[in-house]
Amino acid sequence: MRSLVFNILFWGLSALFALACYAAAWLPWRGPLMAVIIAYGATTRFCMRWVAGIAVEVRGQPPRGEPVIIAAKHQAYADGPLMMAIAGDLNFVIGNGIEKFPLVNRIVQRAGATMVDAQGHNRAQGALKESIRQIADDHRPVLIYPEGGMAAVGVTRRYRKGVYMLYAELGRSVVPVATNLGLRWPEEEWDKHPGPAVIEFLEPIPPGLPREIFMQRLQDTIETRSRELESEGRS
């Protein structure tokens, strides 16, 4: 019953916030749109806690307004909204699978997001290269999911080179983010499971590392800590 109430509330509120974001996306200023998006993240976190019984703990230091790259583990639909609520106004790289949701194209474009072709890798790289030129003059954090999509608890998907393109071209530190949220909100499943969840910001990786070393270090850092958080959550 708790999952039923939460899902009805979450998707209902998501529809209302989507309409509010769409309206704000037509304003000449970007600020109101980002305020609505951040409010959506805060509302999602509130409903998770008080309706679904999922208490989200943030560990480490979220980079707010810092020119870094946030490379995060992605296990649930809530990851994106929660990150906006925690870290504030962000640039973010998003796969074009989000297009299946109505009104989204206008919203993500006005928010300054980069929509890449999740299937056509060459087109994705081209879109990302074009975005890097714009991001270079923007000092907000950049959010990217290195695996390119959601992964089930305990699963490591291939880390894509888009995160290295950002790292190398922008010359910025990368903040790895581990989570065990998938224990409470498993991928696209209907049922939600009450209990604590953790989003943890880890030690930044400094710029300048070779590709192979960077990619291995990033993957090892995120996946090792995520497995530890998953074990902690089960206990």
C-alpha atoms as a PDB file:
ATOM      1  CA  MET A   1       0.000   0.000   0.000  1.00  0.00           C
ATOM      2  CA  ARG A   2       2.829   2.397   0.845  1.00  0.00           C
ATOM      3  CA  SER A   3       4.415   1.820  -2.577  1.00  0.00           C
ATOM      4  CA  LEU A   4       1.055   2.369  -4.281  1.00  0.00           C
ATOM      5  CA  VAL A   5       0.488   5.692  -2.518  1.00  0.00           C
ATOM      6  CA  PHE A   6       4.028   6.843  -3.155  1.00  0.00           C
ATOM      7  CA  ASN A   7       4.001   5.962  -6.858  1.00  0.00           C
ATOM      8  CA  ILE A   8       0.694   7.708  -7.459  1.00  0.00           C
ATOM      9  CA  LEU A   9       1.960  10.756  -5.589  1.00  0.00           C
ATOM     10  CA  PHE A  10       5.393  10.749  -7.254  1.00  0.00           C
ATOM     11  CA  TRP A  11       4.155  10.454 -10.815  1.00  0.00           C
ATOM     12  CA  GLY A  12       1.316  12.884 -10.190  1.00  0.00           C
ATOM     13  CA  LEU A  13       3.713  15.468  -8.787  1.00  0.00           C
ATOM     14  CA  SER A  14       6.150  14.742 -11.614  1.00  0.00           C
ATOM     15  CA  ALA A  15       3.440  15.632 -14.134  1.00  0.00           C
ATOM     16  CA  LEU A  16       2.606  18.868 -12.289  1.00  0.00           C
ATOM     17  CA  PHE A  17       6.258  19.868 -12.015  1.00  0.00           C
ATOM     18  CA  ALA A  18       6.779  19.032 -15.702  1.00  0.00           C
ATOM     19  CA  LEU A  19       4.015  21.490 -16.597  1.00  0.00           C
ATOM     20  CA  ALA A  20       5.523  24.108 -14.277  1.00  0.00           C
ATOM     21  CA  CYS A  21       8.982  23.542 -15.805  1.00  0.00           C
ATOM     22  CA  TYR A  22       7.571  23.785 -19.313  1.00  0.00           C
ATOM     23  CA  ALA A  23       5.923  27.089 -18.491  1.00  0.00           C
ATOM     24  CA  ALA A  24       9.107  28.399 -16.861  1.00  0.00           C
ATOM     25  CA  ALA A  25      11.132  27.285 -19.894  1.00  0.00           C
ATOM     26  CA  TRP A  26       9.414  29.984 -21.972  1.00  0.00           C
ATOM     27  CA  LEU A  27      10.503  32.796 -19.672  1.00  0.00           C
ATOM     28  CA  PRO A  28      13.444  34.960 -20.794  1.00  0.00           C
ATOM     29  CA  TRP A  29      15.365  34.082 -17.618  1.00  0.00           C
ATOM     30  CA  ARG A  30      16.759  30.648 -16.825  1.00  0.00           C
ATOM     31  CA  GLY A  31      16.628  31.088 -13.033  1.00  0.00           C
ATOM     32  CA  PRO A  32      12.917  30.322 -12.516  1.00  0.00           C
ATOM     33  CA  LEU A  33      13.197  27.055 -14.439  1.00  0.00           C
ATOM     34  CA  MET A  34      16.138  25.866 -12.352  1.00  0.00           C
ATOM     35  CA  ALA A  35      14.322  26.881  -9.165  1.00  0.00           C
ATOM     36  CA  VAL A  36      11.363  24.686 -10.163  1.00  0.00           C
ATOM     37  CA  ILE A  37      13.656  21.759 -11.038  1.00  0.00           C
ATOM     38  CA  ILE A  38      15.473  22.029  -7.701  1.00  0.00           C
ATOM     39  CA  ALA A  39      12.114  22.256  -5.900  1.00  0.00           C
ATOM     40  CA  TYR A  40      11.060  19.063  -7.689  1.00  0.00           C
ATOM     41  CA  GLY A  41      14.143  17.311  -6.335  1.00  0.00           C
ATOM     42  CA  ALA A  42      13.474  18.539  -2.802  1.00  0.00           C
ATOM     43  CA  THR A  43       9.827  17.456  -3.038  1.00  0.00           C
ATOM     44  CA  THR A  44      10.875  14.017  -4.287  1.00  0.00           C
ATOM     45  CA  ARG A  45      13.230  13.622  -1.338  1.00  0.00           C
ATOM     46  CA  PHE A  46      10.490  14.719   1.086  1.00  0.00           C
ATOM     47  CA  CYS A  47       7.982  12.208  -0.332  1.00  0.00           C
ATOM     48  CA  MET A  48      10.564   9.440  -0.290  1.00  0.00           C
ATOM     49  CA  ARG A  49      11.157  10.054   3.411  1.00  0.00           C
ATOM     50  CA  TRP A  50       7.619  10.602   4.664  1.00  0.00           C
ATOM     51  CA  VAL A  51       5.577   8.438   2.272  1.00  0.00           C
ATOM     52  CA  ALA A  52       7.863   5.638   1.062  1.00  0.00           C
ATOM     53  CA  GLY A  53       9.951   5.547   4.231  1.00  0.00           C
ATOM     54  CA  ILE A  54      13.236   6.001   2.336  1.00  0.00           C
ATOM     55  CA  ALA A  55      15.531   8.305   4.307  1.00  0.00           C
ATOM     56  CA  VAL A  56      18.312   9.614   2.063  1.00  0.00           C
ATOM     57  CA  GLU A  57      21.612  10.392   3.797  1.00  0.00           C
ATOM     58  CA  VAL A  58      24.188  12.533   2.026  1.00  0.00           C
ATOM     59  CA  ARG A  59      27.827  11.848   2.870  1.00  0.00           C
ATOM     60  CA  GLY A  60      30.873  13.765   1.785  1.00  0.00           C
ATOM     61  CA  GLN A  61      30.899  17.298   0.446  1.00  0.00           C
ATOM     62  CA  PRO A  62      28.509  18.080  -2.441  1.00  0.00           C
ATOM     63  CA  PRO A  63      30.136  20.556  -4.865  1.00  0.00           C
ATOM     64  CA  ARG A  64      27.771  23.508  -5.106  1.00  0.00           C
ATOM     65  CA  GLY A  65      28.764  26.058  -7.712  1.00  0.00           C
ATOM     66  CA  GLU A  66      32.227  24.557  -8.180  1.00  0.00           C
ATOM     67  CA  PRO A  67      33.638  23.904 -11.692  1.00  0.00           C
ATOM     68  CA  VAL A  68      33.988  20.145 -11.296  1.00  0.00           C
ATOM     69  CA  ILE A  69      32.588  17.070 -13.018  1.00  0.00           C
ATOM     70  CA  ILE A  70      30.253  14.904 -10.930  1.00  0.00           C
ATOM     71  CA  ALA A  71      30.439  11.275 -12.097  1.00  0.00           C
ATOM     72  CA  ALA A  72      27.666   9.363 -10.349  1.00  0.00           C
ATOM     73  CA  LYS A  73      26.342   5.833 -10.030  1.00  0.00           C
ATOM     74  CA  HIS A  74      22.808   5.601 -11.434  1.00  0.00           C
ATOM     75  CA  GLN A  75      20.400   3.079  -9.857  1.00  0.00           C
ATOM     76  CA  ALA A  76      16.981   4.783  -9.707  1.00  0.00           C
ATOM     77  CA  TYR A  77      14.766   7.406 -11.328  1.00  0.00           C
ATOM     78  CA  ALA A  78      15.256   9.513  -8.206  1.00  0.00           C
ATOM     79  CA  ASP A  79      18.997   9.957  -8.798  1.00  0.00           C
ATOM     80  CA  GLY A  80      18.687  12.984 -11.055  1.00  0.00           C
ATOM     81  CA  PRO A  81      16.106  14.954  -9.012  1.00  0.00           C
ATOM     82  CA  LEU A  82      17.954  14.188  -5.771  1.00  0.00           C
ATOM     83  CA  MET A  83      21.257  15.363  -7.246  1.00  0.00           C
ATOM     84  CA  MET A  84      19.671  18.673  -8.233  1.00  0.00           C
ATOM     85  CA  ALA A  85      18.250  19.084  -4.725  1.00  0.00           C
ATOM     86  CA  ILE A  86      21.622  18.278  -3.144  1.00  0.00           C
ATOM     87  CA  ALA A  87      24.079  20.025  -5.473  1.00  0.00           C
ATOM     88  CA  GLY A  88      21.895  22.853  -6.810  1.00  0.00           C
ATOM     89  CA  ASP A  89      22.124  24.316 -10.310  1.00  0.00           C
ATOM     90  CA  LEU A  90      24.009  21.917 -12.593  1.00  0.00           C
ATOM     91  CA  ASN A  91      24.926  21.311 -16.155  1.00  0.00           C
ATOM     92  CA  PHE A  92      24.049  17.713 -16.937  1.00  0.00           C
ATOM     93  CA  VAL A  93      24.558  15.194 -19.721  1.00  0.00           C
ATOM     94  CA  ILE A  94      21.422  13.240 -20.496  1.00  0.00           C
ATOM     95  CA  GLY A  95      20.589  10.383 -22.878  1.00  0.00           C
ATOM     96  CA  ASN A  96      17.908  10.927 -25.487  1.00  0.00           C
ATOM     97  CA  GLY A  97      15.785   8.147 -23.954  1.00  0.00           C
ATOM     98  CA  ILE A  98      14.282  10.904 -21.818  1.00  0.00           C
ATOM     99  CA  GLU A  99      12.473  12.101 -24.938  1.00  0.00           C
ATOM    100  CA  LYS A 100       9.716   9.576 -24.250  1.00  0.00           C
ATOM    101  CA  PHE A 101       8.470  11.904 -21.526  1.00  0.00           C
ATOM    102  CA  PRO A 102       6.270  14.746 -22.851  1.00  0.00           C
ATOM    103  CA  LEU A 103       7.497  18.372 -22.798  1.00  0.00           C
ATOM    104  CA  VAL A 104      11.060  17.350 -21.951  1.00  0.00           C
ATOM    105  CA  ASN A 105      12.887  18.620 -25.059  1.00  0.00           C
ATOM    106  CA  ARG A 106      12.095  22.270 -24.380  1.00  0.00           C
ATOM    107  CA  ILE A 107      12.878  21.909 -20.681  1.00  0.00           C
ATOM    108  CA  VAL A 108      16.301  20.269 -21.049  1.00  0.00           C
ATOM    109  CA  GLN A 109      17.353  22.673 -23.779  1.00  0.00           C
ATOM    110  CA  ARG A 110      16.402  25.712 -21.694  1.00  0.00           C
ATOM    111  CA  ALA A 111      18.075  24.201 -18.620  1.00  0.00           C
ATOM    112  CA  GLY A 112      21.327  24.018 -20.577  1.00  0.00           C
ATOM    113  CA  ALA A 113      21.500  20.224 -20.609  1.00  0.00           C
ATOM    114  CA  THR A 114      23.246  18.167 -23.268  1.00  0.00           C
ATOM    115  CA  MET A 115      21.068  15.473 -24.842  1.00  0.00           C
ATOM    116  CA  VAL A 116      23.158  12.780 -26.518  1.00  0.00           C
ATOM    117  CA  ASP A 117      22.177   9.823 -28.673  1.00  0.00           C
ATOM    118  CA  ALA A 118      22.372   6.853 -26.310  1.00  0.00           C
ATOM    119  CA  GLN A 119      22.444   4.366 -29.195  1.00  0.00           C
ATOM    120  CA  GLY A 120      24.392   6.178 -31.913  1.00  0.00           C
ATOM    121  CA  HIS A 121      27.810   6.452 -30.284  1.00  0.00           C
ATOM    122  CA  ASN A 122      29.354   8.630 -33.005  1.00  0.00           C
ATOM    123  CA  ARG A 123      26.492  11.104 -32.833  1.00  0.00           C
ATOM    124  CA  ALA A 124      26.711  11.056 -29.030  1.00  0.00           C
ATOM    125  CA  GLN A 125      30.390  11.936 -29.161  1.00  0.00           C
ATOM    126  CA  GLY A 126      29.705  14.743 -31.618  1.00  0.00           C
ATOM    127  CA  ALA A 127      27.000  16.218 -29.396  1.00  0.00           C
ATOM    128  CA  LEU A 128      29.250  15.960 -26.365  1.00  0.00           C
ATOM    129  CA  LYS A 129      32.168  17.654 -28.143  1.00  0.00           C
ATOM    130  CA  GLU A 130      29.910  20.526 -29.126  1.00  0.00           C
ATOM    131  CA  SER A 131      28.653  20.788 -25.557  1.00  0.00           C
ATOM    132  CA  ILE A 132      32.183  20.870 -24.131  1.00  0.00           C
ATOM    133  CA  ARG A 133      32.813  24.120 -25.993  1.00  0.00           C
ATOM    134  CA  GLN A 134      29.844  25.665 -24.183  1.00  0.00           C
ATOM    135  CA  ILE A 135      30.597  24.086 -20.798  1.00  0.00           C
ATOM    136  CA  ALA A 136      34.149  25.485 -20.847  1.00  0.00           C
ATOM    137  CA  ASP A 137      32.787  28.971 -20.111  1.00  0.00           C
ATOM    138  CA  ASP A 138      30.300  27.747 -17.502  1.00  0.00           C
ATOM    139  CA  HIS A 139      31.571  27.358 -13.940  1.00  0.00           C
ATOM    140  CA  ARG A 140      28.724  25.229 -12.625  1.00  0.00           C
ATOM    141  CA  PRO A 141      29.294  21.528 -11.831  1.00  0.00           C
ATOM    142  CA  VAL A 142      28.638  19.101 -14.687  1.00  0.00           C
ATOM    143  CA  LEU A 143      26.719  15.902 -13.885  1.00  0.00           C
ATOM    144  CA  ILE A 144      27.297  12.768 -15.938  1.00  0.00           C
ATOM    145  CA  TYR A 145      26.416   9.099 -15.400  1.00  0.00           C
ATOM    146  CA  PRO A 146      29.517   7.267 -16.713  1.00  0.00           C
ATOM    147  CA  GLU A 147      27.618   4.026 -17.400  1.00  0.00           C
ATOM    148  CA  GLY A 148      25.138   5.841 -19.628  1.00  0.00           C
ATOM    149  CA  GLY A 149      22.060   4.539 -17.812  1.00  0.00           C
ATOM    150  CA  MET A 150      20.668   2.790 -14.761  1.00  0.00           C
ATOM    151  CA  ALA A 151      22.352  -0.305 -13.375  1.00  0.00           C
ATOM    152  CA  ALA A 152      20.791  -2.838 -11.023  1.00  0.00           C
ATOM    153  CA  VAL A 153      22.191  -3.257  -7.528  1.00  0.00           C
ATOM    154  CA  GLY A 154      25.459  -5.182  -7.692  1.00  0.00           C
ATOM    155  CA  VAL A 155      25.841  -4.658 -11.442  1.00  0.00           C
ATOM    156  CA  THR A 156      28.663  -2.761 -13.136  1.00  0.00           C
ATOM    157  CA  ARG A 157      27.950  -1.585 -16.666  1.00  0.00           C
ATOM    158  CA  ARG A 158      30.642  -0.522 -19.101  1.00  0.00           C
ATOM    159  CA  TYR A 159      31.989   2.927 -18.258  1.00  0.00           C
ATOM    160  CA  ARG A 160      31.785   5.023 -21.418  1.00  0.00           C
ATOM    161  CA  LYS A 161      34.479   7.366 -22.609  1.00  0.00           C
ATOM    162  CA  GLY A 162      32.245  10.450 -22.541  1.00  0.00           C
ATOM    163  CA  VAL A 163      33.279  11.091 -18.960  1.00  0.00           C
ATOM    164  CA  TYR A 164      36.938  11.045 -20.004  1.00  0.00           C
ATOM    165  CA  MET A 165      36.217  13.483 -22.844  1.00  0.00           C
ATOM    166  CA  LEU A 166      34.833  15.939 -20.310  1.00  0.00           C
ATOM    167  CA  TYR A 167      37.713  15.314 -17.919  1.00  0.00           C
ATOM    168  CA  ALA A 168      40.432  15.736 -20.545  1.00  0.00           C
ATOM    169  CA  GLU A 169      38.962  18.650 -22.498  1.00  0.00           C
ATOM    170  CA  LEU A 170      37.819  20.714 -19.530  1.00  0.00           C
ATOM    171  CA  GLY A 171      40.816  19.965 -17.329  1.00  0.00           C
ATOM    172  CA  ARG A 172      38.582  19.717 -14.259  1.00  0.00           C
ATOM    173  CA  SER A 173      38.593  17.449 -11.225  1.00  0.00           C
ATOM    174  CA  VAL A 174      36.068  14.624 -11.178  1.00  0.00           C
ATOM    175  CA  VAL A 175      34.005  13.939  -8.051  1.00  0.00           C
ATOM    176  CA  PRO A 176      32.930  10.250  -7.986  1.00  0.00           C
ATOM    177  CA  VAL A 177      29.552   9.541  -6.380  1.00  0.00           C
ATOM    178  CA  ALA A 178      28.550   6.129  -4.997  1.00  0.00           C
ATOM    179  CA  THR A 179      25.069   5.101  -3.869  1.00  0.00           C
ATOM    180  CA  ASN A 180      22.913   2.227  -2.641  1.00  0.00           C
ATOM    181  CA  LEU A 181      19.588   3.856  -3.539  1.00  0.00           C
ATOM    182  CA  GLY A 182      18.756   0.906  -5.783  1.00  0.00           C
ATOM    183  CA  LEU A 183      18.131  -1.190  -2.671  1.00  0.00           C
ATOM    184  CA  ARG A 184      15.154   1.025  -1.836  1.00  0.00           C
ATOM    185  CA  TRP A 185      14.095   2.049  -5.356  1.00  0.00           C
ATOM    186  CA  PRO A 186      15.153  -0.796  -7.683  1.00  0.00           C
ATOM    187  CA  GLU A 187      15.587   0.475 -11.250  1.00  0.00           C
ATOM    188  CA  GLU A 188      12.079   0.718 -12.762  1.00  0.00           C
ATOM    189  CA  GLU A 189      10.287  -1.576 -10.289  1.00  0.00           C
ATOM    190  CA  TRP A 190       6.938  -0.583  -8.819  1.00  0.00           C
ATOM    191  CA  ASP A 191       7.701  -1.657  -5.254  1.00  0.00           C
ATOM    192  CA  LYS A 192       9.730   0.619  -3.013  1.00  0.00           C
ATOM    193  CA  HIS A 193      11.467  -0.670   0.127  1.00  0.00           C
ATOM    194  CA  PRO A 194      11.565   1.471   3.288  1.00  0.00           C
ATOM    195  CA  GLY A 195      14.915   2.047   4.937  1.00  0.00           C
ATOM    196  CA  PRO A 196      17.996   4.254   4.791  1.00  0.00           C
ATOM    197  CA  ALA A 197      19.754   5.065   1.530  1.00  0.00           C
ATOM    198  CA  VAL A 198      23.086   6.783   0.992  1.00  0.00           C
ATOM    199  CA  ILE A 199      24.460   9.118  -1.662  1.00  0.00           C
ATOM    200  CA  GLU A 200      28.168   9.610  -1.020  1.00  0.00           C
ATOM    201  CA  PHE A 201      30.479  12.175  -2.627  1.00  0.00           C
ATOM    202  CA  LEU A 202      33.982  10.713  -2.701  1.00  0.00           C
ATOM    203  CA  GLU A 203      37.488  12.125  -2.925  1.00  0.00           C
ATOM    204  CA  PRO A 204      37.967  14.096  -6.169  1.00  0.00           C
ATOM    205  CA  ILE A 205      40.191  12.724  -8.910  1.00  0.00           C
ATOM    206  CA  PRO A 206      42.609  15.482  -9.983  1.00  0.00           C
ATOM    207  CA  PRO A 207      42.943  16.465 -13.652  1.00  0.00           C
ATOM    208  CA  GLY A 208      45.758  15.288 -15.910  1.00  0.00           C
ATOM    209  CA  LEU A 209      45.653  11.492 -15.631  1.00  0.00           C
ATOM    210  CA  PRO A 210      46.032   9.315 -18.759  1.00  0.00           C
ATOM    211  CA  ARG A 211      42.812   7.794 -20.058  1.00  0.00           C
ATOM    212  CA  GLU A 212      43.397   4.197 -18.963  1.00  0.00           C
ATOM    213  CA  ILE A 213      44.466   5.175 -15.462  1.00  0.00           C
ATOM    214  CA  PHE A 214      41.624   7.653 -15.056  1.00  0.00           C
ATOM    215  CA  MET A 215      38.897   5.297 -16.285  1.00  0.00           C
ATOM    216  CA  GLN A 216      40.096   2.427 -14.104  1.00  0.00           C
ATOM    217  CA  ARG A 217      40.435   4.639 -11.044  1.00  0.00           C
ATOM    218  CA  LEU A 218      36.982   6.141 -11.555  1.00  0.00           C
ATOM    219  CA  GLN A 219      35.298   2.769 -12.013  1.00  0.00           C
ATOM    220  CA  ASP A 220      37.117   1.151  -9.091  1.00  0.00           C
ATOM    221  CA  THR A 221      36.301   4.069  -6.811  1.00  0.00           C
ATOM    222  CA  ILE A 222      32.576   4.218  -7.610  1.00  0.00           C
ATOM    223  CA  GLU A 223      31.928   0.490  -7.854  1.00  0.00           C
ATOM    224  CA  THR A 224      33.921  -0.523  -4.781  1.00  0.00           C
ATOM    225  CA  ARG A 225      32.211   2.046  -2.596  1.00  0.00           C
ATOM    226  CA  SER A 226      28.772   1.295  -4.059  1.00  0.00           C
ATOM    227  CA  ARG A 227      29.207  -2.410  -3.232  1.00  0.00           C
ATOM    228  CA  GLU A 228      30.193  -1.419   0.328  1.00  0.00           C
ATOM    229  CA  LEU A 229      27.119   0.801   0.641  1.00  0.00           C
ATOM    230  CA  GLU A 230      24.905  -1.959  -0.721  1.00  0.00           C
ATOM    231  CA  SER A 231      26.290  -4.357   1.885  1.00  0.00           C
ATOM    232  CA  GLU A 232      25.737  -1.728   4.573  1.00  0.00           C
ATOM    233  CA  GLY A 233      22.171  -1.190   3.414  1.00  0.00           C
ATOM    234  CA  ARG A 234      21.350  -4.898   3.480  1.00  0.00           C
ATOM    235  CA  SER A 235      22.610  -5.204   7.026  1.00  0.00           C
END
